[in-house]
Amino acid sequence: MKKILLTGCAGFIGAATTEKLIENGYHVIGIDNLNPYYDVTLKENRLKKLKEKQKFQFYLADISDEKKIKEIFNQEKPNSVLHLAAQAGVRYSIDHPESYIKSNLNGFYVMIETAKQMGVSHFVYASTSSVYGANKKTPFSVSDSTENPLSLYAATKKSNELMAHSYSSIFKMHTTGLRFFTVYGPWGRPDMALFKFTKNILEGRPIDVYNNGNHTRDFTYISDIVEGLLRVIEKGADVSKVYRVYNLGSERPVPLMRYIELIEKFLGKTAEKNYMPLQLGDVESTFADMSEFERDFNFKPKVSTEAGVENFIKWYKEYFKV
């Protein structure tokens, strides 16, 4: 039986990936602590859908709880691990650093150390485009320097890559890190721009446009992220290279103002815009170089930003009964 342990299963990416893995014949052991960083009701509703699946087992647990995590590993004996659980958010890390140390450093250690002790064949984990900091060279390549993170969130994710490298080097443990680029789509996070903009526009409230609208983002639709993760898991560990890190983005950076135009188009409403300066810890542009991922996994993201935004707004109106 293909059995995979997936952390953060009630999260945006975690829930969508769990569904896809089950469709592809995997038995998924899901772990989540239902962190109240954003509306727990959304997480509970994602989880409700998953619990209807036969090949899904859920554990309410915190990844930093070493005793509980070891109990789950010992009971379930997964073949591989997809570690997606983390404290997310660049801006939140400025005021709540303790959450990032607990989840992204202590939690990551517990997961990778337990996986090593259990002889897990492949440890796959989520990193972020934020590790590139204020890198001016685009597109961002995995060979570029990531020594200057601009937020504690980015610093903890860079630390995860370094920790994985040490485990791969010392214990010959197969690890693969994926640097996600601005993931969006149905069931998305309420703290992300698309969700906040849609909500405010529908409620007739202004939207905060940071950096005076001069941002560019490599927005990546959720189904492309999930397909990329599936390719990594299906191909498994690379026997010739125990440590790997890849970008996972769309390779189609979009100006923020164009993104807002698409939201307005599909809502049929014009946003009142409150222009703001660049926020602490934020970067102006992101752009993924996907050449290494495309070479190794024969995959290119397919969903256009226009189609992705339209799909999200359809979901939002149905979910919130607008």
C-alpha atoms as a PDB file:
ATOM      1  CA  MET A   1       0.000   0.000   0.000  1.00  0.00           C
ATOM      2  CA  LYS A   2       1.245   3.491  -0.857  1.00  0.00           C
ATOM      3  CA  LYS A   3       0.997   5.226   2.509  1.00  0.00           C
ATOM      4  CA  ILE A   4       2.013   8.847   2.937  1.00  0.00           C
ATOM      5  CA  LEU A   5       1.977  11.045   6.027  1.00  0.00           C
ATOM      6  CA  LEU A   6       0.899  14.594   5.182  1.00  0.00           C
ATOM      7  CA  THR A   7       1.113  17.458   7.670  1.00  0.00           C
ATOM      8  CA  GLY A   8      -1.097  20.537   7.361  1.00  0.00           C
ATOM      9  CA  CYS A   9      -3.867  18.457   5.775  1.00  0.00           C
ATOM     10  CA  ALA A  10      -6.570  21.006   6.683  1.00  0.00           C
ATOM     11  CA  GLY A  11      -4.609  23.818   5.076  1.00  0.00           C
ATOM     12  CA  PHE A  12      -5.177  25.231   1.595  1.00  0.00           C
ATOM     13  CA  ILE A  13      -2.437  23.295  -0.217  1.00  0.00           C
ATOM     14  CA  GLY A  14      -2.609  20.342   2.156  1.00  0.00           C
ATOM     15  CA  ALA A  15      -6.317  19.631   1.659  1.00  0.00           C
ATOM     16  CA  ALA A  16      -6.132  19.918  -2.136  1.00  0.00           C
ATOM     17  CA  THR A  17      -3.054  17.658  -2.259  1.00  0.00           C
ATOM     18  CA  THR A  18      -4.654  15.092   0.041  1.00  0.00           C
ATOM     19  CA  GLU A  19      -7.643  14.803  -2.311  1.00  0.00           C
ATOM     20  CA  LYS A  20      -5.369  14.304  -5.318  1.00  0.00           C
ATOM     21  CA  LEU A  21      -3.228  11.692  -3.576  1.00  0.00           C
ATOM     22  CA  ILE A  22      -6.297   9.682  -2.569  1.00  0.00           C
ATOM     23  CA  GLU A  23      -7.559   9.856  -6.174  1.00  0.00           C
ATOM     24  CA  ASN A  24      -4.214   8.382  -7.212  1.00  0.00           C
ATOM     25  CA  GLY A  25      -4.432   5.410  -4.868  1.00  0.00           C
ATOM     26  CA  TYR A  26      -2.558   6.665  -1.826  1.00  0.00           C
ATOM     27  CA  HIS A  27      -3.604   6.102   1.759  1.00  0.00           C
ATOM     28  CA  VAL A  28      -3.084   9.493   3.434  1.00  0.00           C
ATOM     29  CA  ILE A  29      -2.315   9.943   7.126  1.00  0.00           C
ATOM     30  CA  GLY A  30      -3.257  13.576   7.775  1.00  0.00           C
ATOM     31  CA  ILE A  31      -1.979  15.686  10.667  1.00  0.00           C
ATOM     32  CA  ASP A  32      -3.176  19.192  11.534  1.00  0.00           C
ATOM     33  CA  ASN A  33      -3.509  21.254  14.729  1.00  0.00           C
ATOM     34  CA  LEU A  34      -6.231  23.537  13.268  1.00  0.00           C
ATOM     35  CA  ASN A  35      -4.201  26.636  14.154  1.00  0.00           C
ATOM     36  CA  PRO A  36      -6.451  29.740  14.537  1.00  0.00           C
ATOM     37  CA  TYR A  37      -4.122  31.960  12.423  1.00  0.00           C
ATOM     38  CA  TYR A  38      -7.159  32.350  10.151  1.00  0.00           C
ATOM     39  CA  ASP A  39     -10.812  31.254  10.302  1.00  0.00           C
ATOM     40  CA  VAL A  40     -10.805  27.687  11.624  1.00  0.00           C
ATOM     41  CA  THR A  41     -14.250  27.118  10.063  1.00  0.00           C
ATOM     42  CA  LEU A  42     -12.633  27.091   6.614  1.00  0.00           C
ATOM     43  CA  LYS A  43     -10.126  24.479   7.792  1.00  0.00           C
ATOM     44  CA  GLU A  44     -12.884  22.395   9.369  1.00  0.00           C
ATOM     45  CA  ASN A  45     -14.889  22.466   6.124  1.00  0.00           C
ATOM     46  CA  ARG A  46     -11.863  21.365   4.091  1.00  0.00           C
ATOM     47  CA  LEU A  47     -11.334  18.581   6.617  1.00  0.00           C
ATOM     48  CA  LYS A  48     -14.994  17.569   6.492  1.00  0.00           C
ATOM     49  CA  LYS A  49     -14.618  16.836   2.758  1.00  0.00           C
ATOM     50  CA  LEU A  50     -11.509  14.743   3.389  1.00  0.00           C
ATOM     51  CA  LYS A  51     -13.095  12.696   6.162  1.00  0.00           C
ATOM     52  CA  GLU A  52     -15.627  11.412   3.630  1.00  0.00           C
ATOM     53  CA  LYS A  53     -12.775   9.587   1.840  1.00  0.00           C
ATOM     54  CA  GLN A  54     -12.046   5.971   2.723  1.00  0.00           C
ATOM     55  CA  LYS A  55      -8.266   6.206   2.408  1.00  0.00           C
ATOM     56  CA  PHE A  56      -7.853   9.069   4.861  1.00  0.00           C
ATOM     57  CA  GLN A  57      -6.922   8.916   8.532  1.00  0.00           C
ATOM     58  CA  PHE A  58      -6.838  12.171  10.519  1.00  0.00           C
ATOM     59  CA  TYR A  59      -4.869  13.029  13.649  1.00  0.00           C
ATOM     60  CA  LEU A  60      -5.375  16.296  15.530  1.00  0.00           C
ATOM     61  CA  ALA A  61      -1.803  17.021  16.596  1.00  0.00           C
ATOM     62  CA  ASP A  62       0.854  19.715  16.700  1.00  0.00           C
ATOM     63  CA  ILE A  63       4.014  18.960  14.711  1.00  0.00           C
ATOM     64  CA  SER A  64       6.178  20.288  17.559  1.00  0.00           C
ATOM     65  CA  ASP A  65       4.751  17.640  19.934  1.00  0.00           C
ATOM     66  CA  GLU A  66       7.531  15.065  19.610  1.00  0.00           C
ATOM     67  CA  LYS A  67       5.848  12.369  21.678  1.00  0.00           C
ATOM     68  CA  LYS A  68       2.570  12.540  19.725  1.00  0.00           C
ATOM     69  CA  ILE A  69       4.320  12.642  16.334  1.00  0.00           C
ATOM     70  CA  LYS A  70       6.387   9.564  17.201  1.00  0.00           C
ATOM     71  CA  GLU A  71       3.238   7.728  18.294  1.00  0.00           C
ATOM     72  CA  ILE A  72       1.601   8.476  14.919  1.00  0.00           C
ATOM     73  CA  PHE A  73       4.676   7.325  12.969  1.00  0.00           C
ATOM     74  CA  ASN A  74       4.921   4.131  15.012  1.00  0.00           C
ATOM     75  CA  GLN A  75       1.244   3.354  14.550  1.00  0.00           C
ATOM     76  CA  GLU A  76       0.964   4.198  10.832  1.00  0.00           C
ATOM     77  CA  LYS A  77       4.484   3.458   9.483  1.00  0.00           C
ATOM     78  CA  PRO A  78       4.266   5.708   6.398  1.00  0.00           C
ATOM     79  CA  ASN A  79       6.490   5.085   3.348  1.00  0.00           C
ATOM     80  CA  SER A  80       7.036   8.789   2.723  1.00  0.00           C
ATOM     81  CA  VAL A  81       6.296  12.200   4.238  1.00  0.00           C
ATOM     82  CA  LEU A  82       4.883  15.378   2.682  1.00  0.00           C
ATOM     83  CA  HIS A  83       5.499  18.099   5.253  1.00  0.00           C
ATOM     84  CA  LEU A  84       3.316  21.134   4.450  1.00  0.00           C
ATOM     85  CA  ALA A  85       2.408  22.292   7.974  1.00  0.00           C
ATOM     86  CA  ALA A  86       3.967  25.629   8.932  1.00  0.00           C
ATOM     87  CA  GLN A  87       3.172  29.024  10.369  1.00  0.00           C
ATOM     88  CA  ALA A  88       2.582  31.007   7.186  1.00  0.00           C
ATOM     89  CA  GLY A  89       2.625  34.719   6.455  1.00  0.00           C
ATOM     90  CA  VAL A  90       5.397  37.274   5.966  1.00  0.00           C
ATOM     91  CA  ARG A  91       3.742  40.166   7.821  1.00  0.00           C
ATOM     92  CA  TYR A  92       2.467  38.071  10.744  1.00  0.00           C
ATOM     93  CA  SER A  93       6.055  37.011  11.508  1.00  0.00           C
ATOM     94  CA  ILE A  94       6.988  40.586  12.444  1.00  0.00           C
ATOM     95  CA  ASP A  95       4.614  40.656  15.432  1.00  0.00           C
ATOM     96  CA  HIS A  96       4.378  36.942  16.281  1.00  0.00           C
ATOM     97  CA  PRO A  97       7.919  35.508  15.920  1.00  0.00           C
ATOM     98  CA  GLU A  98       7.339  32.812  18.550  1.00  0.00           C
ATOM     99  CA  SER A  99       4.804  31.029  16.302  1.00  0.00           C
ATOM    100  CA  TYR A 100       7.433  30.644  13.580  1.00  0.00           C
ATOM    101  CA  ILE A 101      10.101  29.301  15.924  1.00  0.00           C
ATOM    102  CA  LYS A 102       7.683  26.717  17.338  1.00  0.00           C
ATOM    103  CA  SER A 103       6.169  25.485  14.056  1.00  0.00           C
ATOM    104  CA  ASN A 104       8.772  26.174  11.392  1.00  0.00           C
ATOM    105  CA  LEU A 105      11.918  25.333  13.351  1.00  0.00           C
ATOM    106  CA  ASN A 106      10.965  23.033  16.239  1.00  0.00           C
ATOM    107  CA  GLY A 107       8.142  21.410  14.254  1.00  0.00           C
ATOM    108  CA  PHE A 108      10.342  20.841  11.213  1.00  0.00           C
ATOM    109  CA  TYR A 109      13.034  19.261  13.397  1.00  0.00           C
ATOM    110  CA  VAL A 110      10.533  16.887  15.012  1.00  0.00           C
ATOM    111  CA  MET A 111       9.190  15.813  11.621  1.00  0.00           C
ATOM    112  CA  ILE A 112      12.520  15.233   9.864  1.00  0.00           C
ATOM    113  CA  GLU A 113      14.172  13.579  12.877  1.00  0.00           C
ATOM    114  CA  THR A 114      11.228  11.212  13.395  1.00  0.00           C
ATOM    115  CA  ALA A 115      11.126  10.426   9.666  1.00  0.00           C
ATOM    116  CA  LYS A 116      14.842   9.619   9.794  1.00  0.00           C
ATOM    117  CA  GLN A 117      14.422   7.350  12.830  1.00  0.00           C
ATOM    118  CA  MET A 118      11.568   5.514  11.097  1.00  0.00           C
ATOM    119  CA  GLY A 119      13.553   4.988   7.891  1.00  0.00           C
ATOM    120  CA  VAL A 120      11.130   6.984   5.709  1.00  0.00           C
ATOM    121  CA  SER A 121      12.223   6.694   2.066  1.00  0.00           C
ATOM    122  CA  HIS A 122      11.481  10.277   0.965  1.00  0.00           C
ATOM    123  CA  PHE A 123      10.910  13.479   2.945  1.00  0.00           C
ATOM    124  CA  VAL A 124       9.222  16.195   0.837  1.00  0.00           C
ATOM    125  CA  TYR A 125       8.633  19.621   2.362  1.00  0.00           C
ATOM    126  CA  ALA A 126       7.314  23.083   1.530  1.00  0.00           C
ATOM    127  CA  SER A 127       9.687  26.003   1.212  1.00  0.00           C
ATOM    128  CA  THR A 128       8.855  29.430  -0.241  1.00  0.00           C
ATOM    129  CA  SER A 129       9.837  31.993  -2.859  1.00  0.00           C
ATOM    130  CA  SER A 130      10.362  34.373   0.083  1.00  0.00           C
ATOM    131  CA  VAL A 131      13.820  32.818   0.607  1.00  0.00           C
ATOM    132  CA  TYR A 132      15.059  34.885  -2.383  1.00  0.00           C
ATOM    133  CA  GLY A 133      14.611  38.088  -0.369  1.00  0.00           C
ATOM    134  CA  ALA A 134      15.189  41.263  -2.358  1.00  0.00           C
ATOM    135  CA  ASN A 135      16.992  39.422  -5.161  1.00  0.00           C
ATOM    136  CA  LYS A 136      16.907  41.723  -8.217  1.00  0.00           C
ATOM    137  CA  LYS A 137      17.855  39.061 -10.766  1.00  0.00           C
ATOM    138  CA  THR A 138      14.834  37.462 -12.427  1.00  0.00           C
ATOM    139  CA  PRO A 139      13.666  34.840 -12.933  1.00  0.00           C
ATOM    140  CA  PHE A 140      14.701  33.422  -9.554  1.00  0.00           C
ATOM    141  CA  SER A 141      16.845  30.324 -10.018  1.00  0.00           C
ATOM    142  CA  VAL A 142      17.475  27.687  -7.353  1.00  0.00           C
ATOM    143  CA  SER A 143      21.186  28.414  -7.864  1.00  0.00           C
ATOM    144  CA  ASP A 144      20.710  32.081  -6.824  1.00  0.00           C
ATOM    145  CA  SER A 145      21.818  33.297  -3.404  1.00  0.00           C
ATOM    146  CA  THR A 146      19.233  32.986  -0.630  1.00  0.00           C
ATOM    147  CA  GLU A 147      21.416  34.397   2.133  1.00  0.00           C
ATOM    148  CA  ASN A 148      19.438  37.611   2.685  1.00  0.00           C
ATOM    149  CA  PRO A 149      15.851  36.829   3.787  1.00  0.00           C
ATOM    150  CA  LEU A 150      13.736  39.906   4.537  1.00  0.00           C
ATOM    151  CA  SER A 151      11.393  38.327   7.103  1.00  0.00           C
ATOM    152  CA  LEU A 152      11.578  35.820   9.933  1.00  0.00           C
ATOM    153  CA  TYR A 153       9.155  33.634   7.968  1.00  0.00           C
ATOM    154  CA  ALA A 154      11.619  33.490   5.068  1.00  0.00           C
ATOM    155  CA  ALA A 155      14.519  32.888   7.481  1.00  0.00           C
ATOM    156  CA  THR A 156      12.752  29.881   9.033  1.00  0.00           C
ATOM    157  CA  LYS A 157      12.033  28.395   5.602  1.00  0.00           C
ATOM    158  CA  LYS A 158      15.667  28.865   4.547  1.00  0.00           C
ATOM    159  CA  SER A 159      16.578  27.139   7.813  1.00  0.00           C
ATOM    160  CA  ASN A 160      14.381  24.188   6.800  1.00  0.00           C
ATOM    161  CA  GLU A 161      16.364  23.812   3.583  1.00  0.00           C
ATOM    162  CA  LEU A 162      19.644  23.892   5.543  1.00  0.00           C
ATOM    163  CA  MET A 163      18.350  21.349   8.068  1.00  0.00           C
ATOM    164  CA  ALA A 164      17.250  19.058   5.239  1.00  0.00           C
ATOM    165  CA  HIS A 165      20.683  19.424   3.638  1.00  0.00           C
ATOM    166  CA  SER A 166      22.389  18.323   6.856  1.00  0.00           C
ATOM    167  CA  TYR A 167      20.140  15.254   7.169  1.00  0.00           C
ATOM    168  CA  SER A 168      20.746  14.358   3.517  1.00  0.00           C
ATOM    169  CA  SER A 169      24.513  14.824   3.917  1.00  0.00           C
ATOM    170  CA  ILE A 170      24.974  12.960   7.205  1.00  0.00           C
ATOM    171  CA  PHE A 171      22.301  10.259   7.023  1.00  0.00           C
ATOM    172  CA  LYS A 172      21.904   9.972   3.209  1.00  0.00           C
ATOM    173  CA  MET A 173      18.222  10.767   3.747  1.00  0.00           C
ATOM    174  CA  HIS A 174      16.348  11.659   0.553  1.00  0.00           C
ATOM    175  CA  THR A 175      14.809  15.141   0.887  1.00  0.00           C
ATOM    176  CA  THR A 176      13.065  17.378  -1.656  1.00  0.00           C
ATOM    177  CA  GLY A 177      12.096  20.987  -0.939  1.00  0.00           C
ATOM    178  CA  LEU A 178       9.607  22.967  -3.075  1.00  0.00           C
ATOM    179  CA  ARG A 179       9.743  26.759  -3.124  1.00  0.00           C
ATOM    180  CA  PHE A 180       6.107  27.733  -3.699  1.00  0.00           C
ATOM    181  CA  PHE A 181       5.290  30.987  -5.503  1.00  0.00           C
ATOM    182  CA  THR A 182       2.102  32.836  -4.351  1.00  0.00           C
ATOM    183  CA  VAL A 183      -0.439  30.007  -4.431  1.00  0.00           C
ATOM    184  CA  TYR A 184      -4.097  30.942  -5.036  1.00  0.00           C
ATOM    185  CA  GLY A 185      -7.418  29.361  -5.994  1.00  0.00           C
ATOM    186  CA  PRO A 186     -10.650  27.931  -4.523  1.00  0.00           C
ATOM    187  CA  TRP A 187     -10.516  27.145  -0.790  1.00  0.00           C
ATOM    188  CA  GLY A 188      -7.583  29.587  -0.525  1.00  0.00           C
ATOM    189  CA  ARG A 189      -6.279  31.382   2.543  1.00  0.00           C
ATOM    190  CA  PRO A 190      -8.256  34.413   3.796  1.00  0.00           C
ATOM    191  CA  ASP A 191      -5.028  36.310   4.563  1.00  0.00           C
ATOM    192  CA  MET A 192      -3.974  36.300   0.878  1.00  0.00           C
ATOM    193  CA  ALA A 193      -4.624  39.229  -1.466  1.00  0.00           C
ATOM    194  CA  LEU A 194      -7.166  37.515  -3.745  1.00  0.00           C
ATOM    195  CA  PHE A 195      -9.397  36.492  -0.825  1.00  0.00           C
ATOM    196  CA  LYS A 196      -9.134  39.868   0.954  1.00  0.00           C
ATOM    197  CA  PHE A 197      -9.710  41.888  -2.229  1.00  0.00           C
ATOM    198  CA  THR A 198     -12.742  39.830  -3.244  1.00  0.00           C
ATOM    199  CA  LYS A 199     -14.280  40.099   0.227  1.00  0.00           C
ATOM    200  CA  ASN A 200     -13.775  43.860   0.509  1.00  0.00           C
ATOM    201  CA  ILE A 201     -14.982  44.666  -3.010  1.00  0.00           C
ATOM    202  CA  LEU A 202     -18.180  42.639  -2.507  1.00  0.00           C
ATOM    203  CA  GLU A 203     -18.763  44.358   0.845  1.00  0.00           C
ATOM    204  CA  GLY A 204     -18.182  47.801  -0.659  1.00  0.00           C
ATOM    205  CA  ARG A 205     -15.035  48.455   1.363  1.00  0.00           C
ATOM    206  CA  PRO A 206     -11.696  49.780   0.023  1.00  0.00           C
ATOM    207  CA  ILE A 207      -8.755  47.469  -0.653  1.00  0.00           C
ATOM    208  CA  ASP A 208      -5.226  48.201   0.588  1.00  0.00           C
ATOM    209  CA  VAL A 209      -2.824  48.217  -2.379  1.00  0.00           C
ATOM    210  CA  TYR A 210       0.729  48.006  -1.051  1.00  0.00           C
ATOM    211  CA  ASN A 211       3.838  49.420  -2.724  1.00  0.00           C
ATOM    212  CA  ASN A 212       1.413  51.778  -4.503  1.00  0.00           C
ATOM    213  CA  GLY A 213       0.455  48.896  -6.784  1.00  0.00           C
ATOM    214  CA  ASN A 214       3.984  48.346  -8.114  1.00  0.00           C
ATOM    215  CA  HIS A 215       4.187  44.682  -7.118  1.00  0.00           C
ATOM    216  CA  THR A 216       4.608  41.832  -9.597  1.00  0.00           C
ATOM    217  CA  ARG A 217       3.859  38.276  -8.500  1.00  0.00           C
ATOM    218  CA  ASP A 218       4.312  34.819  -9.979  1.00  0.00           C
ATOM    219  CA  PHE A 219       0.772  33.749  -9.051  1.00  0.00           C
ATOM    220  CA  THR A 220       0.493  29.933  -9.153  1.00  0.00           C
ATOM    221  CA  TYR A 221      -2.876  28.193  -9.337  1.00  0.00           C
ATOM    222  CA  ILE A 222      -3.556  25.496  -6.750  1.00  0.00           C
ATOM    223  CA  SER A 223      -4.061  22.631  -9.240  1.00  0.00           C
ATOM    224  CA  ASP A 224      -0.618  23.313 -10.759  1.00  0.00           C
ATOM    225  CA  ILE A 225       0.978  23.202  -7.292  1.00  0.00           C
ATOM    226  CA  VAL A 226      -0.826  19.944  -6.489  1.00  0.00           C
ATOM    227  CA  GLU A 227       0.169  18.356  -9.807  1.00  0.00           C
ATOM    228  CA  GLY A 228       3.781  19.385  -9.196  1.00  0.00           C
ATOM    229  CA  LEU A 229       3.728  17.801  -5.732  1.00  0.00           C
ATOM    230  CA  LEU A 230       2.196  14.625  -7.127  1.00  0.00           C
ATOM    231  CA  ARG A 231       4.976  14.369  -9.745  1.00  0.00           C
ATOM    232  CA  VAL A 232       7.613  14.664  -7.014  1.00  0.00           C
ATOM    233  CA  ILE A 233       5.955  12.020  -4.839  1.00  0.00           C
ATOM    234  CA  GLU A 234       5.237   9.635  -7.724  1.00  0.00           C
ATOM    235  CA  LYS A 235       8.795   9.808  -9.034  1.00  0.00           C
ATOM    236  CA  GLY A 236      10.070   9.337  -5.501  1.00  0.00           C
ATOM    237  CA  ALA A 237      13.581   9.783  -4.189  1.00  0.00           C
ATOM    238  CA  ASP A 238      16.357  10.348  -6.704  1.00  0.00           C
ATOM    239  CA  VAL A 239      18.998   7.718  -5.947  1.00  0.00           C
ATOM    240  CA  SER A 240      21.675   9.869  -7.595  1.00  0.00           C
ATOM    241  CA  LYS A 241      20.912  12.995  -5.559  1.00  0.00           C
ATOM    242  CA  VAL A 242      19.777  12.748  -1.933  1.00  0.00           C
ATOM    243  CA  TYR A 243      19.170  16.503  -1.514  1.00  0.00           C
ATOM    244  CA  ARG A 244      17.034  18.508  -3.955  1.00  0.00           C
ATOM    245  CA  VAL A 245      15.346  21.918  -3.967  1.00  0.00           C
ATOM    246  CA  TYR A 246      13.080  23.214  -6.764  1.00  0.00           C
ATOM    247  CA  ASN A 247      10.973  26.241  -7.603  1.00  0.00           C
ATOM    248  CA  LEU A 248       7.266  25.596  -8.116  1.00  0.00           C
ATOM    249  CA  GLY A 249       5.661  28.620  -9.763  1.00  0.00           C
ATOM    250  CA  SER A 250       3.783  29.552 -12.922  1.00  0.00           C
ATOM    251  CA  GLU A 251       6.663  31.288 -14.770  1.00  0.00           C
ATOM    252  CA  ARG A 252       4.122  33.984 -15.697  1.00  0.00           C
ATOM    253  CA  PRO A 253       4.572  36.984 -13.353  1.00  0.00           C
ATOM    254  CA  VAL A 254       1.571  39.328 -13.284  1.00  0.00           C
ATOM    255  CA  PRO A 255       1.512  42.995 -12.187  1.00  0.00           C
ATOM    256  CA  LEU A 256      -0.639  43.494  -9.087  1.00  0.00           C
ATOM    257  CA  MET A 257      -2.802  46.091 -10.843  1.00  0.00           C
ATOM    258  CA  ARG A 258      -3.588  43.571 -13.614  1.00  0.00           C
ATOM    259  CA  TYR A 259      -4.540  41.034 -10.939  1.00  0.00           C
ATOM    260  CA  ILE A 260      -6.931  43.577  -9.408  1.00  0.00           C
ATOM    261  CA  GLU A 261      -8.409  44.305 -12.861  1.00  0.00           C
ATOM    262  CA  LEU A 262      -9.220  40.597 -13.256  1.00  0.00           C
ATOM    263  CA  ILE A 263     -10.924  40.486  -9.854  1.00  0.00           C
ATOM    264  CA  GLU A 264     -12.981  43.556 -10.764  1.00  0.00           C
ATOM    265  CA  LYS A 265     -13.861  42.024 -14.136  1.00  0.00           C
ATOM    266  CA  PHE A 266     -15.239  38.776 -12.688  1.00  0.00           C
ATOM    267  CA  LEU A 267     -17.011  40.508  -9.804  1.00  0.00           C
ATOM    268  CA  GLY A 268     -18.487  43.138 -12.103  1.00  0.00           C
ATOM    269  CA  LYS A 269     -17.463  45.808  -9.575  1.00  0.00           C
ATOM    270  CA  THR A 270     -14.753  48.440  -9.373  1.00  0.00           C
ATOM    271  CA  ALA A 271     -12.573  48.484  -6.278  1.00  0.00           C
ATOM    272  CA  GLU A 272     -11.970  51.572  -4.198  1.00  0.00           C
ATOM    273  CA  LYS A 273      -8.187  51.515  -3.789  1.00  0.00           C
ATOM    274  CA  ASN A 274      -6.233  52.670  -0.768  1.00  0.00           C
ATOM    275  CA  TYR A 275      -2.619  53.016  -1.970  1.00  0.00           C
ATOM    276  CA  MET A 276      -0.009  52.153   0.665  1.00  0.00           C
ATOM    277  CA  PRO A 277       3.814  52.061   0.881  1.00  0.00           C
ATOM    278  CA  LEU A 278       5.869  48.854   0.632  1.00  0.00           C
ATOM    279  CA  GLN A 279       5.423  46.818   3.802  1.00  0.00           C
ATOM    280  CA  LEU A 280       8.232  45.634   6.052  1.00  0.00           C
ATOM    281  CA  GLY A 281       9.513  42.218   4.980  1.00  0.00           C
ATOM    282  CA  ASP A 282       7.776  42.359   1.588  1.00  0.00           C
ATOM    283  CA  VAL A 283       9.467  42.065  -1.815  1.00  0.00           C
ATOM    284  CA  GLU A 284       8.547  43.931  -5.001  1.00  0.00           C
ATOM    285  CA  SER A 285       8.643  41.068  -7.523  1.00  0.00           C
ATOM    286  CA  THR A 286       8.749  37.290  -7.746  1.00  0.00           C
ATOM    287  CA  PHE A 287       9.373  35.183 -10.850  1.00  0.00           C
ATOM    288  CA  ALA A 288      10.144  31.441 -10.848  1.00  0.00           C
ATOM    289  CA  ASP A 289      12.697  29.771 -13.081  1.00  0.00           C
ATOM    290  CA  MET A 290      11.072  26.360 -13.483  1.00  0.00           C
ATOM    291  CA  SER A 291      13.659  24.846 -15.865  1.00  0.00           C
ATOM    292  CA  GLU A 292      15.071  22.319 -13.381  1.00  0.00           C
ATOM    293  CA  PHE A 293      11.632  21.150 -12.261  1.00  0.00           C
ATOM    294  CA  GLU A 294      10.451  20.852 -15.881  1.00  0.00           C
ATOM    295  CA  ARG A 295      13.565  18.840 -16.767  1.00  0.00           C
ATOM    296  CA  ASP A 296      13.268  16.395 -13.857  1.00  0.00           C
ATOM    297  CA  PHE A 297       9.474  15.977 -13.711  1.00  0.00           C
ATOM    298  CA  ASN A 298       8.278  16.777 -17.236  1.00  0.00           C
ATOM    299  CA  PHE A 299       5.753  19.310 -16.002  1.00  0.00           C
ATOM    300  CA  LYS A 300       4.839  22.901 -16.849  1.00  0.00           C
ATOM    301  CA  PRO A 301       2.077  24.813 -15.028  1.00  0.00           C
ATOM    302  CA  LYS A 302      -1.011  25.169 -17.230  1.00  0.00           C
ATOM    303  CA  VAL A 303      -3.657  27.408 -15.608  1.00  0.00           C
ATOM    304  CA  SER A 304      -3.720  31.055 -16.713  1.00  0.00           C
ATOM    305  CA  THR A 305      -4.166  33.792 -14.126  1.00  0.00           C
ATOM    306  CA  GLU A 306      -7.426  34.852 -15.780  1.00  0.00           C
ATOM    307  CA  ALA A 307      -8.914  31.348 -15.521  1.00  0.00           C
ATOM    308  CA  GLY A 308      -7.589  30.941 -11.979  1.00  0.00           C
ATOM    309  CA  VAL A 309      -9.108  34.194 -10.693  1.00  0.00           C
ATOM    310  CA  GLU A 310     -12.435  33.390 -12.364  1.00  0.00           C
ATOM    311  CA  ASN A 311     -12.477  29.931 -10.723  1.00  0.00           C
ATOM    312  CA  PHE A 312     -11.744  31.424  -7.306  1.00  0.00           C
ATOM    313  CA  ILE A 313     -14.536  34.003  -7.561  1.00  0.00           C
ATOM    314  CA  LYS A 314     -17.047  31.331  -8.628  1.00  0.00           C
ATOM    315  CA  TRP A 315     -16.035  29.264  -5.599  1.00  0.00           C
ATOM    316  CA  TYR A 316     -16.161  32.284  -3.263  1.00  0.00           C
ATOM    317  CA  LYS A 317     -19.706  33.195  -4.309  1.00  0.00           C
ATOM    318  CA  GLU A 318     -20.896  29.609  -3.869  1.00  0.00           C
ATOM    319  CA  TYR A 319     -19.114  29.048  -0.544  1.00  0.00           C
ATOM    320  CA  PHE A 320     -20.288  32.301   1.050  1.00  0.00           C
ATOM    321  CA  LYS A 321     -23.663  32.237  -0.748  1.00  0.00           C
ATOM    322  CA  VAL A 322     -23.134  35.690  -2.233  1.00  0.00           C
END
